[in-house]
Amino acid sequence: MTEAVVLDIEGTVSPLEAVRDVLFPYARARISDWVREDRAPAVVADVRALLGGNPGLDEVERALLAWHDENAKHSPLKTLHGLIWEEGFLDGVLVGQVYPDVPPVLAGWRQRGTRCFIYSSGSELAQRLWFSHSDQGDLLGLLAGHFDTTTGGLKHEPGSYQRIAAHIGTAPGDILFLTDSRAELDAARTAGWRVVGVRRPGCTTDFGPHSVVADLTELADLAGLPVATEVA
């Protein structure tokens, strides 16, 4: 029985290029100004703590830009991304892109009483902005909660999935995890979760022994999860 579904974002419910080619360049172009204008003092303090000593703003700026270019998962960078994106979403410059099969599936799960959570390396703030300002409307009400690498842990570590299961109060075997990453599927399965890979257009992941769907509507057959005929 599926009591809860946990979803990745990039390449799973949203096109990878929506984040890679839109959100990331938007954030990178603004990192320096946010550091120089002291718009995120807590982020600067966290970067200094990670670097050690008392580095100046030049070093903090270089570190954030380098982490961004490496797609590093450091929490201060993800926090800064979320703050920059918040401004863009609220200004109407940014819009979350979500595959059209996702809203009716989320609505079907909600009608059935299956809770749905998001687990992404992007900050919880960024996740909420993405779904509340999506091109499919405000989907935030269809989600039961959010986890990022700060609240959930690193996505390739089984312990992260154990932590999330405990937090949502659901037995591992009653949780279904969906992602386009083989390493994440392996980690979740090691933690006792049920897992399914998602192969969207352009995906080249070798999913190995894991079951795979092309879109979420296929889960009605594979996992017994319904799809709503319309989104309320």
Protein backbone atom coordinates (compact mmCIF):
# COMPACT_ATOMS: atom_id res chain seq x y z
CA MET A 1 0.00 0.00 0.00
CA THR A 2 1.30 3.47 -0.89
CA GLU A 3 0.79 5.81 2.06
CA ALA A 4 3.11 8.55 0.80
CA VAL A 5 4.82 9.55 -2.44
CA VAL A 6 8.07 11.50 -2.49
CA LEU A 7 9.01 13.30 -5.69
CA ASP A 8 12.19 14.75 -7.11
CA ILE A 9 11.77 17.93 -9.20
CA GLU A 10 14.38 18.25 -11.96
CA GLY A 11 13.80 15.67 -14.68
CA THR A 12 10.88 14.14 -12.76
CA VAL A 13 8.01 16.62 -12.44
CA SER A 14 9.75 19.44 -14.31
CA PRO A 15 12.01 19.64 -17.35
CA LEU A 16 15.68 19.58 -16.43
CA GLU A 17 16.36 22.52 -18.72
CA ALA A 18 13.81 24.66 -16.87
CA VAL A 19 16.17 24.73 -13.91
CA ARG A 20 19.47 24.43 -15.76
CA ASP A 21 18.81 27.04 -18.45
CA VAL A 22 16.53 29.48 -16.65
CA LEU A 23 16.79 29.42 -12.85
CA PHE A 24 20.52 28.81 -12.56
CA PRO A 25 21.64 31.58 -14.96
CA TYR A 26 19.17 33.96 -13.30
CA ALA A 27 20.69 33.27 -9.88
CA ARG A 28 24.32 33.39 -11.02
CA ALA A 29 23.89 36.82 -12.57
CA ARG A 30 22.75 38.17 -9.19
CA ILE A 31 24.98 36.39 -6.65
CA SER A 32 27.66 39.10 -6.63
CA ASP A 33 25.17 41.94 -6.12
CA TRP A 34 23.47 40.12 -3.25
CA VAL A 35 26.82 39.58 -1.52
CA ARG A 36 28.11 43.12 -2.17
CA GLU A 37 24.86 44.81 -1.17
CA ASP A 38 24.67 42.81 2.09
CA ARG A 39 21.28 41.42 1.14
CA ALA A 40 21.94 37.99 2.63
CA PRO A 41 24.15 38.44 5.71
CA ALA A 42 23.28 35.03 7.14
CA VAL A 43 24.43 33.36 3.91
CA VAL A 44 27.72 35.27 4.01
CA ALA A 45 28.24 34.20 7.62
CA ASP A 46 27.57 30.55 6.74
CA VAL A 47 30.02 30.69 3.82
CA ARG A 48 32.68 32.14 6.09
CA ALA A 49 32.07 29.34 8.59
CA LEU A 50 32.52 26.74 5.84
CA LEU A 51 35.67 28.36 4.51
CA GLY A 52 37.19 28.88 7.94
CA GLY A 53 38.96 31.93 9.26
CA ASN A 54 37.49 35.31 8.41
CA PRO A 55 37.51 35.57 4.60
CA GLY A 56 36.59 38.88 3.00
CA LEU A 57 33.67 39.47 0.68
CA ASP A 58 35.86 38.83 -2.36
CA GLU A 59 36.58 35.30 -1.18
CA VAL A 60 32.96 34.70 -0.17
CA GLU A 61 31.81 35.85 -3.59
CA ARG A 62 34.36 33.66 -5.40
CA ALA A 63 33.36 30.64 -3.31
CA LEU A 64 29.65 31.06 -4.04
CA LEU A 65 30.25 31.50 -7.76
CA ALA A 66 32.57 28.48 -7.85
CA TRP A 67 30.05 26.34 -5.96
CA HIS A 68 27.33 27.49 -8.33
CA ASP A 69 29.40 26.56 -11.39
CA GLU A 70 30.19 23.15 -9.87
CA ASN A 71 26.51 22.60 -8.97
CA ALA A 72 27.69 22.00 -5.41
CA LYS A 73 25.04 21.20 -2.82
CA HIS A 74 26.32 23.53 -0.08
CA SER A 75 23.45 24.83 2.02
CA PRO A 76 24.46 28.54 1.94
CA LEU A 77 24.43 28.49 -1.85
CA LYS A 78 21.03 26.79 -1.96
CA THR A 79 19.67 29.30 0.54
CA LEU A 80 20.94 32.20 -1.56
CA HIS A 81 19.46 30.66 -4.70
CA GLY A 82 16.09 30.51 -2.96
CA LEU A 83 16.23 34.14 -1.88
CA ILE A 84 17.20 35.34 -5.35
CA TRP A 85 14.52 33.21 -7.00
CA GLU A 86 11.90 34.42 -4.52
CA GLU A 87 12.38 37.94 -5.80
CA GLY A 88 12.11 36.74 -9.41
CA PHE A 89 8.95 34.71 -8.81
CA LEU A 90 7.25 37.50 -6.85
CA ASP A 91 8.14 39.98 -9.59
CA GLY A 92 6.61 37.66 -12.19
CA VAL A 93 9.90 37.24 -14.03
CA LEU A 94 10.19 33.54 -13.16
CA VAL A 95 7.57 30.80 -13.58
CA GLY A 96 7.87 27.19 -12.46
CA GLN A 97 7.60 24.75 -15.35
CA VAL A 98 5.73 21.54 -14.55
CA TYR A 99 4.89 18.67 -16.90
CA PRO A 100 1.12 18.66 -17.70
CA ASP A 101 0.63 15.09 -16.44
CA VAL A 102 1.67 16.14 -12.92
CA PRO A 103 -1.34 18.20 -11.64
CA PRO A 104 -4.03 15.54 -12.24
CA VAL A 105 -1.80 12.89 -10.73
CA LEU A 106 -1.16 14.98 -7.63
CA ALA A 107 -4.89 15.68 -7.36
CA GLY A 108 -5.68 11.98 -7.66
CA TRP A 109 -3.29 11.11 -4.88
CA ARG A 110 -4.74 13.81 -2.66
CA GLN A 111 -8.30 12.57 -3.29
CA ARG A 112 -7.19 9.07 -2.37
CA GLY A 113 -5.55 10.30 0.83
CA THR A 114 -1.98 9.61 -0.33
CA ARG A 115 0.29 12.35 0.92
CA CYS A 116 2.81 13.75 -1.54
CA PHE A 117 6.14 15.31 -0.57
CA ILE A 118 8.94 16.97 -2.52
CA TYR A 119 12.59 16.07 -1.91
CA SER A 120 15.02 18.16 -3.91
CA SER A 121 18.49 19.63 -3.54
CA GLY A 122 16.89 23.04 -4.07
CA SER A 123 15.90 24.82 -0.87
CA GLU A 124 12.43 24.36 0.58
CA LEU A 125 11.75 28.02 -0.19
CA ALA A 126 12.67 27.49 -3.84
CA GLN A 127 10.43 24.41 -3.97
CA ARG A 128 7.42 26.28 -2.59
CA LEU A 129 7.96 29.14 -5.04
CA TRP A 130 8.25 26.71 -7.95
CA PHE A 131 4.93 25.00 -7.25
CA SER A 132 2.98 28.07 -6.14
CA HIS A 133 3.99 30.02 -9.27
CA SER A 134 3.89 27.25 -11.86
CA ASP A 135 2.72 27.32 -15.45
CA GLN A 136 0.06 24.80 -14.37
CA GLY A 137 -1.31 27.09 -11.66
CA ASP A 138 -0.79 27.07 -7.90
CA LEU A 139 -0.06 23.44 -7.01
CA LEU A 140 1.19 24.02 -3.48
CA GLY A 141 -2.06 22.86 -1.90
CA LEU A 142 -1.57 19.40 -3.44
CA LEU A 143 1.67 18.86 -1.53
CA ALA A 144 1.99 17.74 2.09
CA GLY A 145 5.54 18.96 2.69
CA HIS A 146 9.05 19.59 1.43
CA PHE A 147 12.56 18.35 2.14
CA ASP A 148 15.91 19.65 0.94
CA THR A 149 19.50 18.66 1.67
CA THR A 150 19.39 20.58 4.96
CA THR A 151 16.19 19.05 6.33
CA GLY A 152 16.43 15.68 4.60
CA GLY A 153 20.12 15.15 3.96
CA LEU A 154 22.12 14.28 0.85
CA LYS A 155 20.02 12.47 -1.73
CA HIS A 156 22.49 9.65 -2.43
CA GLU A 157 22.67 8.56 1.24
CA PRO A 158 20.24 5.90 2.57
CA GLY A 159 20.19 7.64 5.94
CA SER A 160 18.44 10.62 4.38
CA TYR A 161 15.50 8.46 3.35
CA GLN A 162 15.35 6.85 6.77
CA ARG A 163 15.23 10.34 8.31
CA ILE A 164 12.40 11.47 6.02
CA ALA A 165 10.37 8.31 6.68
CA ALA A 166 10.65 8.90 10.41
CA HIS A 167 9.71 12.56 10.02
CA ILE A 168 6.53 11.86 8.05
CA GLY A 169 5.66 8.92 10.28
CA THR A 170 5.35 6.33 7.51
CA ALA A 171 6.88 2.87 7.25
CA PRO A 172 9.59 2.74 4.55
CA GLY A 173 7.78 0.03 2.62
CA ASP A 174 4.70 2.26 2.31
CA ILE A 175 6.61 5.12 0.65
CA LEU A 176 7.07 5.42 -3.11
CA PHE A 177 9.97 7.53 -4.40
CA LEU A 178 10.16 8.89 -7.94
CA THR A 179 13.28 10.37 -9.54
CA ASP A 180 15.39 10.34 -12.69
CA SER A 181 18.56 9.54 -10.71
CA ARG A 182 19.83 5.96 -10.40
CA ALA A 183 21.96 6.82 -7.34
CA GLU A 184 18.95 8.26 -5.54
CA LEU A 185 16.81 5.24 -6.40
CA ASP A 186 19.51 2.94 -5.07
CA ALA A 187 19.79 4.90 -1.80
CA ALA A 188 16.03 4.98 -1.26
CA ARG A 189 15.66 1.27 -1.96
CA THR A 190 18.48 0.51 0.49
CA ALA A 191 16.44 2.42 3.06
CA GLY A 192 13.47 0.14 2.35
CA TRP A 193 11.45 2.47 0.15
CA ARG A 194 9.62 1.43 -3.01
CA VAL A 195 11.14 3.22 -6.00
CA VAL A 196 10.33 3.97 -9.63
CA GLY A 197 12.52 5.77 -12.15
CA VAL A 198 11.06 8.50 -14.36
CA ARG A 199 12.37 8.74 -17.91
CA ARG A 200 11.34 12.07 -19.38
CA PRO A 201 12.31 13.15 -22.94
CA GLY A 202 16.08 13.40 -23.26
CA CYS A 203 16.79 11.30 -20.16
CA THR A 204 19.74 8.93 -20.65
CA THR A 205 19.86 7.41 -17.15
CA ASP A 206 20.63 3.71 -16.82
CA PHE A 207 17.98 2.72 -14.28
CA GLY A 208 19.33 -0.79 -13.86
CA PRO A 209 16.85 -3.09 -12.08
CA HIS A 210 14.40 -0.36 -11.16
CA SER A 211 10.93 -0.04 -12.70
CA VAL A 212 10.59 2.96 -15.02
CA VAL A 213 7.70 5.13 -16.25
CA ALA A 214 7.62 7.78 -18.96
CA ASP A 215 5.15 9.97 -17.09
CA LEU A 216 3.29 9.84 -13.80
CA THR A 217 -0.02 8.64 -15.26
CA GLU A 218 1.57 5.22 -15.75
CA LEU A 219 1.65 4.80 -11.97
CA ALA A 220 -2.07 4.06 -12.01
CA ASP A 221 -1.17 0.65 -13.39
CA LEU A 222 2.27 0.18 -11.88
CA ALA A 223 1.60 1.32 -8.32
CA GLY A 224 -2.19 1.36 -8.10
CA LEU A 225 -2.29 5.14 -7.70
CA PRO A 226 -5.23 6.94 -9.32
CA VAL A 227 -5.23 9.94 -11.63
CA ALA A 228 -7.90 12.62 -11.17
CA THR A 229 -10.01 13.56 -14.15
CA GLU A 230 -9.67 17.23 -13.23
CA VAL A 231 -7.78 19.42 -10.80
CA ALA A 232 -9.89 21.24 -8.24
